[in-house]
Amino acid sequence: PMKKIACVATFDGRDEALGLMLDSVKDQFDRILIYDNSKSTIDLTDNGKFAGLLALKDPCYYFTLDDDLIYPPDYVSRMVEAIDYTGRIVTCHGRILQGENLNYYNGHRFFPCFGDVMYDGLIDVAGTGVTAFRTDYFNPVQVAVNANQRMSDLIFSYYAKKEGKKIVMLPHAKGWIKDCGINHDDNIHAIESKKQGRLIQTANEIWKLK
């Protein structure tokens, strides 16, 4: 059977959160790759969760994880089932873009990983902390080394749209995925939501491909 491989990018000072996350996915993966930006020669920021693609030779189910989430015990089995059923990229968090030059966080139709989501159709932007795909369907190795950092959701989704790969939302109940409960003021959402120019620009590029 095809292996289930996960990759997470982490940073200095996040060991406690990472430990809680890893405990939550214990025994769900064949292999978990950790890209520690504070110990690596190159700081890839959140793009590091795609660094594993550069080293993998055989097709696999590839999961991109965040270091501050708590995943449910049936997370991998449900995601693999959805990938096999749809033949597409599957995510539990994302957006359907509503137009150009809109506020990225508030201007589009949003599906939260922490909340109730009934929708099971196509979306434009995947939340890469809760995304999985088969690498023989989509293998975006270029995301890891992309010059645009701290916006991997949009960069990943841009390449998917450009290559004609579909992203599907997995319906889920509130609380199925949880926050680890450790507050980080330096998380990407907290920083990037204050200055959204780059996010809006890349969302515009995805919109033009719709």
Foldseek 3Di string as FASTA:
>chain_A
DAFEEWEEEEEPPLVVLQVQQCVLCPPVGPYYHYHYLHPDPHRLARLRRLQVLVVDDDKHKYAYAYSFKRAHHCLNVVLVVVCVVPVAKEAAWDWAADAAPAQLVPRTHIGHNQAFDPFWAWHQWHDRNGIIHIVVQPRPSVSSVDPDGLPSRLVVSLVCLVVVTTYTYDGDHHPNMGGNPDDDCPRSCNPCSVPPPVVRVSVNSSVVSD
